[in-house]
C-alpha atoms as a PDB file:
ATOM      1  CA  MET A   1       1.323  93.421  -0.220  1.00  0.00           C
ATOM      2  CA  LEU A   2       0.143  89.850  -0.785  1.00  0.00           C
ATOM      3  CA  PHE A   3       1.022  87.819  -3.874  1.00  0.00           C
ATOM      4  CA  ALA A   4      -0.262  84.427  -4.982  1.00  0.00           C
ATOM      5  CA  GLY A   5       1.113  81.624  -7.125  1.00  0.00           C
ATOM      6  CA  VAL A   6      -1.068  78.826  -8.467  1.00  0.00           C
ATOM      7  CA  ASP A   7       0.570  75.679  -9.878  1.00  0.00           C
ATOM      8  CA  LEU A   8      -2.130  73.627 -11.584  1.00  0.00           C
ATOM      9  CA  GLY A   9      -0.249  70.410 -12.331  1.00  0.00           C
ATOM     10  CA  SER A  10      -1.422  67.270 -14.077  1.00  0.00           C
ATOM     11  CA  THR A  11      -2.104  65.442 -10.817  1.00  0.00           C
ATOM     12  CA  THR A  12      -1.990  68.020  -7.999  1.00  0.00           C
ATOM     13  CA  ALA A  13      -2.950  71.666  -7.650  1.00  0.00           C
ATOM     14  CA  LYS A  14      -0.878  73.890  -5.412  1.00  0.00           C
ATOM     15  CA  VAL A  15      -1.364  77.485  -4.296  1.00  0.00           C
ATOM     16  CA  VAL A  16       0.730  79.711  -2.046  1.00  0.00           C
ATOM     17  CA  ILE A  17       0.105  83.191  -0.731  1.00  0.00           C
ATOM     18  CA  MET A  18       3.233  85.155   0.111  1.00  0.00           C
ATOM     19  CA  GLU A  19       4.251  88.466   1.549  1.00  0.00           C
ATOM     20  CA  LYS A  20       7.956  88.280   2.376  1.00  0.00           C
ATOM     21  CA  ASP A  21       7.525  84.607   3.223  1.00  0.00           C
ATOM     22  CA  VAL A  22       4.915  81.924   2.638  1.00  0.00           C
ATOM     23  CA  LEU A  23       1.773  82.712   4.615  1.00  0.00           C
ATOM     24  CA  ALA A  24      -0.477  79.959   3.235  1.00  0.00           C
ATOM     25  CA  SER A  25      -0.020  76.822   1.175  1.00  0.00           C
ATOM     26  CA  ILE A  26      -2.678  74.419  -0.078  1.00  0.00           C
ATOM     27  CA  LEU A  27      -2.339  71.199  -2.090  1.00  0.00           C
ATOM     28  CA  GLY A  28      -5.124  69.068  -3.550  1.00  0.00           C
ATOM     29  CA  PRO A  29      -5.854  66.696  -6.425  1.00  0.00           C
ATOM     30  CA  THR A  30      -6.266  68.410  -9.780  1.00  0.00           C
ATOM     31  CA  GLY A  31      -9.129  66.248 -10.992  1.00  0.00           C
ATOM     32  CA  ALA A  32     -10.908  66.739 -14.307  1.00  0.00           C
ATOM     33  CA  GLU A  33     -12.480  70.139 -13.664  1.00  0.00           C
ATOM     34  CA  HIS A  34      -9.475  72.455 -13.624  1.00  0.00           C
ATOM     35  CA  ARG A  35     -11.325  75.736 -13.139  1.00  0.00           C
ATOM     36  CA  ARG A  36     -13.250  74.423 -10.170  1.00  0.00           C
ATOM     37  CA  THR A  37     -10.051  73.003  -8.653  1.00  0.00           C
ATOM     38  CA  ALA A  38      -8.264  76.348  -9.062  1.00  0.00           C
ATOM     39  CA  ASN A  39     -11.103  78.187  -7.335  1.00  0.00           C
ATOM     40  CA  LYS A  40     -11.197  75.625  -4.532  1.00  0.00           C
ATOM     41  CA  VAL A  41      -7.505  75.711  -3.618  1.00  0.00           C
ATOM     42  CA  MET A  42      -7.373  79.497  -3.820  1.00  0.00           C
ATOM     43  CA  THR A  43     -10.427  79.834  -1.589  1.00  0.00           C
ATOM     44  CA  GLU A  44      -8.831  77.528   0.982  1.00  0.00           C
ATOM     45  CA  ALA A  45      -5.572  79.497   0.887  1.00  0.00           C
ATOM     46  CA  LEU A  46      -7.396  82.803   1.319  1.00  0.00           C
ATOM     47  CA  ASP A  47      -9.293  81.354   4.278  1.00  0.00           C
ATOM     48  CA  GLN A  48      -5.983  80.281   5.790  1.00  0.00           C
ATOM     49  CA  VAL A  49      -4.735  83.886   5.917  1.00  0.00           C
ATOM     50  CA  GLY A  50      -8.123  85.536   6.420  1.00  0.00           C
ATOM     51  CA  ALA A  51      -7.953  87.461   3.151  1.00  0.00           C
ATOM     52  CA  ALA A  52     -10.176  88.074   0.129  1.00  0.00           C
ATOM     53  CA  ILE A  53      -9.170  87.716  -3.508  1.00  0.00           C
ATOM     54  CA  ASP A  54      -9.120  91.536  -3.839  1.00  0.00           C
ATOM     55  CA  ASP A  55      -6.454  91.644  -1.127  1.00  0.00           C
ATOM     56  CA  ILE A  56      -4.044  89.847  -3.467  1.00  0.00           C
ATOM     57  CA  GLU A  57      -1.960  92.342  -5.418  1.00  0.00           C
ATOM     58  CA  TYR A  58      -1.096  90.008  -8.297  1.00  0.00           C
ATOM     59  CA  VAL A  59      -1.683  86.340  -9.169  1.00  0.00           C
ATOM     60  CA  VAL A  60       0.547  84.245 -11.434  1.00  0.00           C
ATOM     61  CA  ALA A  61      -0.545  80.808 -12.653  1.00  0.00           C
ATOM     62  CA  THR A  62       1.781  78.084 -13.843  1.00  0.00           C
ATOM     63  CA  GLY A  63       1.774  74.370 -14.558  1.00  0.00           C
ATOM     64  CA  TYR A  64       0.025  72.027 -16.946  1.00  0.00           C
ATOM     65  CA  GLY A  65      -3.386  73.696 -16.490  1.00  0.00           C
ATOM     66  CA  ARG A  66      -2.310  77.315 -16.014  1.00  0.00           C
ATOM     67  CA  ILE A  67      -4.650  78.635 -18.714  1.00  0.00           C
ATOM     68  CA  ASN A  68      -7.578  77.271 -16.691  1.00  0.00           C
ATOM     69  CA  VAL A  69      -7.005  79.497 -13.653  1.00  0.00           C
ATOM     70  CA  PRO A  70      -9.778  82.062 -14.219  1.00  0.00           C
ATOM     71  CA  PHE A  71      -8.613  84.619 -11.650  1.00  0.00           C
ATOM     72  CA  ALA A  72      -4.925  84.672 -12.668  1.00  0.00           C
ATOM     73  CA  ASP A  73      -3.442  87.960 -13.839  1.00  0.00           C
ATOM     74  CA  LYS A  74      -0.675  86.266 -15.833  1.00  0.00           C
ATOM     75  CA  GLN A  75       0.446  82.775 -16.903  1.00  0.00           C
ATOM     76  CA  ILE A  76       4.138  81.818 -16.765  1.00  0.00           C
ATOM     77  CA  THR A  77       5.702  78.479 -17.705  1.00  0.00           C
ATOM     78  CA  GLU A  78       6.627  76.022 -14.977  1.00  0.00           C
ATOM     79  CA  ILE A  79      10.258  76.109 -16.153  1.00  0.00           C
ATOM     80  CA  SER A  80      10.611  79.775 -15.158  1.00  0.00           C
ATOM     81  CA  CYS A  81       8.561  79.349 -11.979  1.00  0.00           C
ATOM     82  CA  HIS A  82      10.520  76.366 -10.698  1.00  0.00           C
ATOM     83  CA  ALA A  83      13.792  78.165 -11.366  1.00  0.00           C
ATOM     84  CA  ARG A  84      12.601  81.207  -9.402  1.00  0.00           C
ATOM     85  CA  GLY A  85      11.237  79.120  -6.548  1.00  0.00           C
ATOM     86  CA  VAL A  86      14.379  77.017  -6.221  1.00  0.00           C
ATOM     87  CA  HIS A  87      16.678  80.044  -6.353  1.00  0.00           C
ATOM     88  CA  TRP A  88      14.696  81.564  -3.475  1.00  0.00           C
ATOM     89  CA  SER A  89      15.132  78.420  -1.351  1.00  0.00           C
ATOM     90  CA  PHE A  90      18.645  77.520  -2.560  1.00  0.00           C
ATOM     91  CA  PRO A  91      20.521  80.567  -3.926  1.00  0.00           C
ATOM     92  CA  SER A  92      23.532  78.337  -4.651  1.00  0.00           C
ATOM     93  CA  ALA A  93      21.538  75.958  -6.890  1.00  0.00           C
ATOM     94  CA  THR A  94      22.875  75.589 -10.415  1.00  0.00           C
ATOM     95  CA  ALA A  95      20.545  72.785 -11.540  1.00  0.00           C
ATOM     96  CA  VAL A  96      16.967  71.674 -10.910  1.00  0.00           C
ATOM     97  CA  ILE A  97      15.334  68.307 -11.512  1.00  0.00           C
ATOM     98  CA  ASP A  98      11.555  68.466 -11.260  1.00  0.00           C
ATOM     99  CA  ILE A  99       9.834  65.071 -11.089  1.00  0.00           C
ATOM    100  CA  GLY A 100       6.135  65.650 -11.585  1.00  0.00           C
ATOM    101  CA  GLY A 101       3.109  63.450 -12.062  1.00  0.00           C
ATOM    102  CA  GLN A 102       3.193  63.234 -15.862  1.00  0.00           C
ATOM    103  CA  ASP A 103       6.590  64.639 -16.845  1.00  0.00           C
ATOM    104  CA  SER A 104      10.069  65.394 -15.589  1.00  0.00           C
ATOM    105  CA  LYS A 105      12.117  68.491 -16.288  1.00  0.00           C
ATOM    106  CA  GLY A 106      15.750  69.433 -15.918  1.00  0.00           C
ATOM    107  CA  MET A 107      17.009  73.012 -15.740  1.00  0.00           C
ATOM    108  CA  ARG A 108      20.511  74.456 -15.669  1.00  0.00           C
ATOM    109  CA  LEU A 109      20.584  77.763 -13.831  1.00  0.00           C
ATOM    110  CA  ASN A 110      22.837  80.777 -14.127  1.00  0.00           C
ATOM    111  CA  LYS A 111      22.363  83.172 -11.211  1.00  0.00           C
ATOM    112  CA  GLY A 112      18.823  81.905 -10.775  1.00  0.00           C
ATOM    113  CA  LYS A 113      17.891  82.255 -14.440  1.00  0.00           C
ATOM    114  CA  VAL A 114      17.227  79.320 -16.784  1.00  0.00           C
ATOM    115  CA  ALA A 115      20.263  78.821 -19.026  1.00  0.00           C
ATOM    116  CA  ASP A 116      19.044  75.575 -20.606  1.00  0.00           C
ATOM    117  CA  PHE A 117      16.450  72.886 -19.985  1.00  0.00           C
ATOM    118  CA  VAL A 118      15.205  69.482 -21.101  1.00  0.00           C
ATOM    119  CA  MET A 119      11.795  67.878 -20.606  1.00  0.00           C
ATOM    120  CA  ASN A 120      10.405  64.368 -20.718  1.00  0.00           C
ATOM    121  CA  ASP A 121       6.679  64.568 -21.444  1.00  0.00           C
ATOM    122  CA  LYS A 122       6.390  61.692 -23.921  1.00  0.00           C
ATOM    123  CA  CYS A 123       7.114  58.740 -21.633  1.00  0.00           C
ATOM    124  CA  ALA A 124       5.996  57.911 -18.090  1.00  0.00           C
ATOM    125  CA  ALA A 125       9.472  56.686 -17.088  1.00  0.00           C
ATOM    126  CA  GLY A 126      10.994  59.042 -14.560  1.00  0.00           C
ATOM    127  CA  THR A 127       7.647  60.493 -13.499  1.00  0.00           C
ATOM    128  CA  GLY A 128       5.312  60.124 -10.557  1.00  0.00           C
ATOM    129  CA  ARG A 129       2.834  58.182 -12.673  1.00  0.00           C
ATOM    130  CA  PHE A 130       5.427  55.492 -13.362  1.00  0.00           C
ATOM    131  CA  LEU A 131       5.967  54.975  -9.634  1.00  0.00           C
ATOM    132  CA  GLU A 132       2.215  54.946  -8.979  1.00  0.00           C
ATOM    133  CA  VAL A 133       1.636  52.180 -11.546  1.00  0.00           C
ATOM    134  CA  ILE A 134       4.385  49.998 -10.084  1.00  0.00           C
ATOM    135  CA  SER A 135       3.159  50.610  -6.541  1.00  0.00           C
ATOM    136  CA  GLU A 136      -0.385  49.606  -7.485  1.00  0.00           C
ATOM    137  CA  ALA A 137       0.910  46.428  -9.139  1.00  0.00           C
ATOM    138  CA  LEU A 138       2.697  45.501  -5.907  1.00  0.00           C
ATOM    139  CA  GLY A 139      -0.192  46.446  -3.648  1.00  0.00           C
ATOM    140  CA  LEU A 140       1.847  49.203  -1.977  1.00  0.00           C
ATOM    141  CA  LYS A 141       1.306  52.868  -1.229  1.00  0.00           C
ATOM    142  CA  VAL A 142       3.557  55.019  -3.383  1.00  0.00           C
ATOM    143  CA  GLU A 143       4.893  56.814  -0.310  1.00  0.00           C
ATOM    144  CA  ASP A 144       6.126  53.487   1.133  1.00  0.00           C
ATOM    145  CA  ILE A 145       8.334  52.287  -1.728  1.00  0.00           C
ATOM    146  CA  GLY A 146      11.173  54.688  -0.954  1.00  0.00           C
ATOM    147  CA  PRO A 147      11.719  53.627   2.675  1.00  0.00           C
ATOM    148  CA  ILE A 148      11.344  49.947   1.740  1.00  0.00           C
ATOM    149  CA  SER A 149      13.977  50.227  -0.993  1.00  0.00           C
ATOM    150  CA  LEU A 150      16.494  51.683   1.456  1.00  0.00           C
ATOM    151  CA  LYS A 151      16.633  48.293   3.211  1.00  0.00           C
ATOM    152  CA  SER A 152      18.130  46.657   0.102  1.00  0.00           C
ATOM    153  CA  GLN A 153      21.481  44.899   0.360  1.00  0.00           C
ATOM    154  CA  ASN A 154      21.467  43.529  -3.188  1.00  0.00           C
ATOM    155  CA  ILE A 155      20.036  45.739  -5.925  1.00  0.00           C
ATOM    156  CA  ILE A 156      18.303  43.732  -8.636  1.00  0.00           C
ATOM    157  CA  LYS A 157      18.691  45.221 -12.094  1.00  0.00           C
ATOM    158  CA  ILE A 158      15.460  46.215 -13.847  1.00  0.00           C
ATOM    159  CA  SER A 159      16.063  46.264 -17.584  1.00  0.00           C
ATOM    160  CA  ASN A 160      12.841  47.994 -18.648  1.00  0.00           C
ATOM    161  CA  VAL A 161      11.718  51.541 -17.915  1.00  0.00           C
ATOM    162  CA  CYS A 162       8.644  51.326 -20.130  1.00  0.00           C
ATOM    163  CA  THR A 163       5.750  51.285 -17.671  1.00  0.00           C
ATOM    164  CA  VAL A 164       4.016  48.176 -19.030  1.00  0.00           C
ATOM    165  CA  PHE A 165       7.153  46.060 -19.365  1.00  0.00           C
ATOM    166  CA  ALA A 166       8.639  47.273 -16.085  1.00  0.00           C
ATOM    167  CA  GLU A 167       5.460  46.256 -14.269  1.00  0.00           C
ATOM    168  CA  GLN A 168       5.638  42.781 -15.830  1.00  0.00           C
ATOM    169  CA  GLU A 169       9.326  42.429 -15.002  1.00  0.00           C
ATOM    170  CA  VAL A 170       8.836  43.479 -11.374  1.00  0.00           C
ATOM    171  CA  VAL A 171       5.980  41.011 -10.867  1.00  0.00           C
ATOM    172  CA  ALA A 172       8.020  38.233 -12.530  1.00  0.00           C
ATOM    173  CA  LYS A 173      11.029  38.844 -10.285  1.00  0.00           C
ATOM    174  CA  LEU A 174       8.825  38.706  -7.197  1.00  0.00           C
ATOM    175  CA  ALA A 175       7.465  35.365  -8.404  1.00  0.00           C
ATOM    176  CA  GLU A 176      11.050  34.136  -8.749  1.00  0.00           C
ATOM    177  CA  GLY A 177      11.616  34.832  -5.053  1.00  0.00           C
ATOM    178  CA  ALA A 178      13.501  38.120  -5.225  1.00  0.00           C
ATOM    179  CA  LYS A 179      13.226  40.379  -2.188  1.00  0.00           C
ATOM    180  CA  LEU A 180      10.836  43.287  -2.493  1.00  0.00           C
ATOM    181  CA  GLU A 181      13.365  45.840  -1.229  1.00  0.00           C
ATOM    182  CA  ASP A 182      15.956  44.668  -3.775  1.00  0.00           C
ATOM    183  CA  ILE A 183      13.463  44.978  -6.627  1.00  0.00           C
ATOM    184  CA  LEU A 184      12.415  48.461  -5.547  1.00  0.00           C
ATOM    185  CA  ALA A 185      16.042  49.534  -5.224  1.00  0.00           C
ATOM    186  CA  GLY A 186      16.616  48.271  -8.762  1.00  0.00           C
ATOM    187  CA  LEU A 187      13.565  50.153  -9.939  1.00  0.00           C
ATOM    188  CA  HIS A 188      14.829  53.418  -8.457  1.00  0.00           C
ATOM    189  CA  ASP A 189      18.245  52.769  -9.963  1.00  0.00           C
ATOM    190  CA  ALA A 190      16.664  52.332 -13.402  1.00  0.00           C
ATOM    191  CA  ILE A 191      14.662  55.560 -13.058  1.00  0.00           C
ATOM    192  CA  ALA A 192      17.733  57.462 -11.868  1.00  0.00           C
ATOM    193  CA  SER A 193      19.707  56.142 -14.838  1.00  0.00           C
ATOM    194  CA  ARG A 194      16.972  57.350 -17.167  1.00  0.00           C
ATOM    195  CA  ILE A 195      16.922  60.798 -15.593  1.00  0.00           C
ATOM    196  CA  ASN A 196      20.722  61.017 -15.606  1.00  0.00           C
ATOM    197  CA  ALA A 197      20.894  60.108 -19.292  1.00  0.00           C
ATOM    198  CA  MET A 198      18.159  62.553 -20.233  1.00  0.00           C
ATOM    199  CA  PHE A 199      19.727  65.442 -18.355  1.00  0.00           C
ATOM    200  CA  SER A 200      23.352  64.675 -19.255  1.00  0.00           C
ATOM    201  CA  ARG A 201      23.376  67.185 -22.114  1.00  0.00           C
ATOM    202  CA  LEU A 202      22.734  69.999 -19.637  1.00  0.00           C
ATOM    203  CA  LYS A 203      26.203  69.376 -18.168  1.00  0.00           C
ATOM    204  CA  MET A 204      24.875  70.067 -14.710  1.00  0.00           C
ATOM    205  CA  GLN A 205      27.479  71.010 -12.128  1.00  0.00           C
ATOM    206  CA  GLY A 206      27.308  72.414  -8.637  1.00  0.00           C
ATOM    207  CA  ASP A 207      24.322  72.104  -6.330  1.00  0.00           C
ATOM    208  CA  ILE A 208      21.432  70.045  -7.726  1.00  0.00           C
ATOM    209  CA  VAL A 209      17.943  70.554  -6.275  1.00  0.00           C
ATOM    210  CA  VAL A 210      15.138  68.017  -6.788  1.00  0.00           C
ATOM    211  CA  THR A 211      11.538  69.242  -6.729  1.00  0.00           C
ATOM    212  CA  GLY A 212       8.082  67.795  -7.374  1.00  0.00           C
ATOM    213  CA  GLY A 213       6.366  64.792  -5.845  1.00  0.00           C
ATOM    214  CA  GLY A 214       9.296  62.571  -6.819  1.00  0.00           C
ATOM    215  CA  ALA A 215      11.476  64.475  -4.352  1.00  0.00           C
ATOM    216  CA  LEU A 216       9.461  62.896  -1.525  1.00  0.00           C
ATOM    217  CA  ASN A 217      10.778  59.447  -2.506  1.00  0.00           C
ATOM    218  CA  THR A 218      13.864  58.803  -0.369  1.00  0.00           C
ATOM    219  CA  GLY A 219      14.842  55.749  -2.404  1.00  0.00           C
ATOM    220  CA  LEU A 220      14.833  57.729  -5.640  1.00  0.00           C
ATOM    221  CA  LEU A 221      16.862  60.539  -4.072  1.00  0.00           C
ATOM    222  CA  LYS A 222      19.494  58.034  -2.965  1.00  0.00           C
ATOM    223  CA  ALA A 223      19.647  56.536  -6.456  1.00  0.00           C
ATOM    224  CA  LEU A 224      20.022  59.992  -7.999  1.00  0.00           C
ATOM    225  CA  GLU A 225      22.869  60.822  -5.634  1.00  0.00           C
ATOM    226  CA  GLU A 226      24.650  57.656  -6.695  1.00  0.00           C
ATOM    227  CA  LYS A 227      24.206  58.461 -10.401  1.00  0.00           C
ATOM    228  CA  PHE A 228      25.344  62.063 -10.027  1.00  0.00           C
ATOM    229  CA  ALA A 229      28.089  61.091  -7.549  1.00  0.00           C
ATOM    230  CA  GLN A 230      27.131  63.981  -5.288  1.00  0.00           C
ATOM    231  CA  PRO A 231      24.416  64.968  -2.801  1.00  0.00           C
ATOM    232  CA  VAL A 232      21.115  66.330  -4.062  1.00  0.00           C
ATOM    233  CA  PHE A 233      19.003  68.816  -2.144  1.00  0.00           C
ATOM    234  CA  THR A 234      15.254  69.198  -1.736  1.00  0.00           C
ATOM    235  CA  PRO A 235      13.131  72.094  -0.438  1.00  0.00           C
ATOM    236  CA  SER A 236      11.161  71.468   2.742  1.00  0.00           C
ATOM    237  CA  SER A 237       8.003  71.302   0.606  1.00  0.00           C
ATOM    238  CA  PRO A 238       9.276  70.197  -2.823  1.00  0.00           C
ATOM    239  CA  GLN A 239       5.835  70.068  -4.436  1.00  0.00           C
ATOM    240  CA  PHE A 240       5.361  73.802  -3.862  1.00  0.00           C
ATOM    241  CA  ALA A 241       8.491  75.018  -5.669  1.00  0.00           C
ATOM    242  CA  GLY A 242       6.546  76.050  -8.781  1.00  0.00           C
ATOM    243  CA  ALA A 243       3.777  77.800  -6.857  1.00  0.00           C
ATOM    244  CA  ILE A 244       6.323  79.661  -4.719  1.00  0.00           C
ATOM    245  CA  GLY A 245       8.194  80.703  -7.840  1.00  0.00           C
ATOM    246  CA  ALA A 246       4.946  81.931  -9.395  1.00  0.00           C
ATOM    247  CA  ALA A 247       4.180  84.062  -6.322  1.00  0.00           C
ATOM    248  CA  LEU A 248       7.724  85.454  -6.310  1.00  0.00           C
ATOM    249  CA  LEU A 249       7.448  86.341 -10.002  1.00  0.00           C
ATOM    250  CA  ALA A 250       4.145  88.074  -9.233  1.00  0.00           C
ATOM    251  CA  SER A 251       6.032  90.183  -6.700  1.00  0.00           C
ATOM    252  CA  ASP A 252       8.934  90.768  -9.108  1.00  0.00           C
ATOM    253  CA  LEU A 253       6.636  91.940 -11.900  1.00  0.00           C
ATOM    254  CA  THR A 254       4.778  94.294  -9.570  1.00  0.00           C
ATOM    255  CA  GLY A 255       8.025  95.798  -8.330  1.00  0.00           C
ATOM    256  CA  GLN A 256       9.401  96.230 -11.849  1.00  0.00           C
ATOM    257  CA  ALA A 257       6.227  97.968 -12.973  1.00  0.00           C
ATOM    258  CA  ALA A 258       6.228 100.255  -9.936  1.00  0.00           C
ATOM    259  CA  ALA A 259       9.854 101.214 -10.614  1.00  0.00           C
ATOM    260  CA  LYS A 260       8.729 102.447 -14.044  1.00  0.00           C
ATOM    261  CA  GLY A 261       5.741 104.287 -12.598  1.00  0.00           C
ATOM    262  CA  LYS A 262       3.316 101.792 -14.091  1.00  0.00           C
ATOM    263  CA  THR A 263       0.536  99.594 -12.723  1.00  0.00           C
ATOM    264  CA  LEU A 264       0.100  96.014 -13.910  1.00  0.00           C
ATOM    265  CA  LYS A 265      -3.144  95.142 -15.628  1.00  0.00           C
ATOM    266  CA  LYS A 266      -5.156  92.643 -13.617  1.00  0.00           C
ATOM    267  CA  GLY A 267      -7.416  89.916 -14.928  1.00  0.00           C
ATOM    268  CA  HIS A 268     -10.736  88.580 -13.696  1.00  0.00           C
ATOM    269  CA  ARG A 269     -10.340  88.676  -9.897  1.00  0.00           C
ATOM    270  CA  ARG A 270     -13.682  87.291  -8.733  1.00  0.00           C
ATOM    271  CA  LEU A 271     -13.703  83.745  -7.429  1.00  0.00           C
ATOM    272  CA  GLU A 272     -16.720  81.905  -8.694  1.00  0.00           C
ATOM    273  CA  GLU A 273     -18.317  78.500  -8.475  1.00  0.00           C
ATOM    274  CA  VAL A 274     -17.940  76.977 -11.917  1.00  0.00           C
ATOM    275  CA  THR A 275     -20.882  74.888 -13.121  1.00  0.00           C
ATOM    276  CA  PHE A 276     -20.237  71.887 -15.360  1.00  0.00           C
ATOM    277  CA  PHE A 277     -22.926  70.225 -17.408  1.00  0.00           C
ATOM    278  CA  THR A 278     -23.005  66.489 -18.073  1.00  0.00           C
END
């Protein structure tokens, strides 16, 4: 049987189709029209495996825009989905740090289940958006700031993690003649300090897994390792952890229902082109 997970995040939409493993995975920008985005990424994923929407046994949606996935059979929070997805990739994981576009989340796991969590959704610091703003101010691509920061030999302290003030401070330090790699290393250090402080109450121990777009930033991963004084791990496709977890939960729910001799109720399964009026 095929199962699908749709993670409609604030900046990117992800979908995976799984059987025992991932058969298809699609990522695209979320944009303003969530329903159309959801239909688009699902259609592309179905095309990738040569299947129709009716071939999918169960669909779970998660993420910021999960209620706007019209063909989903169930919506589950990203906290639960990330925990499930990470446990599948890293059974030894006891903590998860998810660095998304508009928020960051920390989860303490107990045998793959969420024991406690914290979330930062009020401030851009420690999120992908924060890094995008700084990158734009420096005329860099966000994917380049990690490798550049790794060249640093002298980290320059950044005192502000508020997006506006951090941008001003970074530009001012460049004007003073500071090296770009040292400034970026200081920026990652400041973000890692913020994340460490926010997640300290979880008392995370054991293997820590970082997911989300922030996990693609090698400079940030290094800074996190220094703050936690231990290695951190990332899935091969860290942005898909939530979608994978959603698909796995779809499979779990189906199996649990079958064990009780029941059939799960399905939602609206027809993919449609959504029309928006201006």
